[in-house]
Amino acid sequence: VGAGLLAVFGAAGALEFINLREFERSRLAQAQRALDTNLGVLRTALAPLGTEWRVEGGRLTLGGQPLEGRNDIVDTVKQVAGGVATIFQDDLRIATNVVRPDGGRGTGTRLAPGPAFDAAVTRGQAFRGTNVILGQPHLTVYDPIRDAQGRQIGMLFVGVSLAGIEAEVAARTREAVL
């Protein structure tokens, strides 16, 4: 009888573990789709400004329009698709809807060292993956911006918070254990 109960509990535990992993995979896939939507919204919001990226007078421009402080553009991403977005000049946030712990925007802060920095800043490659943004885990895209000569002069960033997914998985795990 004891061995039979142990087998039943073991099988139930294994099924619950599989269900938890499938739930997490599904939520991460949903977050990835949201990330792609956020990037599309950012590009759409920038499109009316033009196509030529430049640094003029030490300021990043698109179609001759300075982008420093253009939080209206990144706020569109939050309003339409729900994600965070930033326009970087080099590795400096010049327009962002990422909020610091004190409640202010993260404008004027730099991209922290790590895998995203190594890929997007050091190697000039697009980065897709998880990154901690001002203390919060996010699924992210960092996409280099290049001028007409091919020099990297900035980056576009979009992110989707992973905190909600982590909380949901933890809650389901607690329920499963109980």
Foldseek 3Di string as FASTA:
>chain_A
DVVVVVVVVVVLLVVLVVVLVVLLVVVVVVQVVLQVVLVVLLCVLCPVLADAWDQDPNFTGHVPHGDQQPQVSQVSSCVPRNWKKFKWFQFFTRYIPPAAPVGHGRHGDGDDDDDCCCACRVVVHWDFAWDQDNNFIWGKIWHFDAGPVGDTGITMMITDTCVVSVVVSVVSVVVSVD
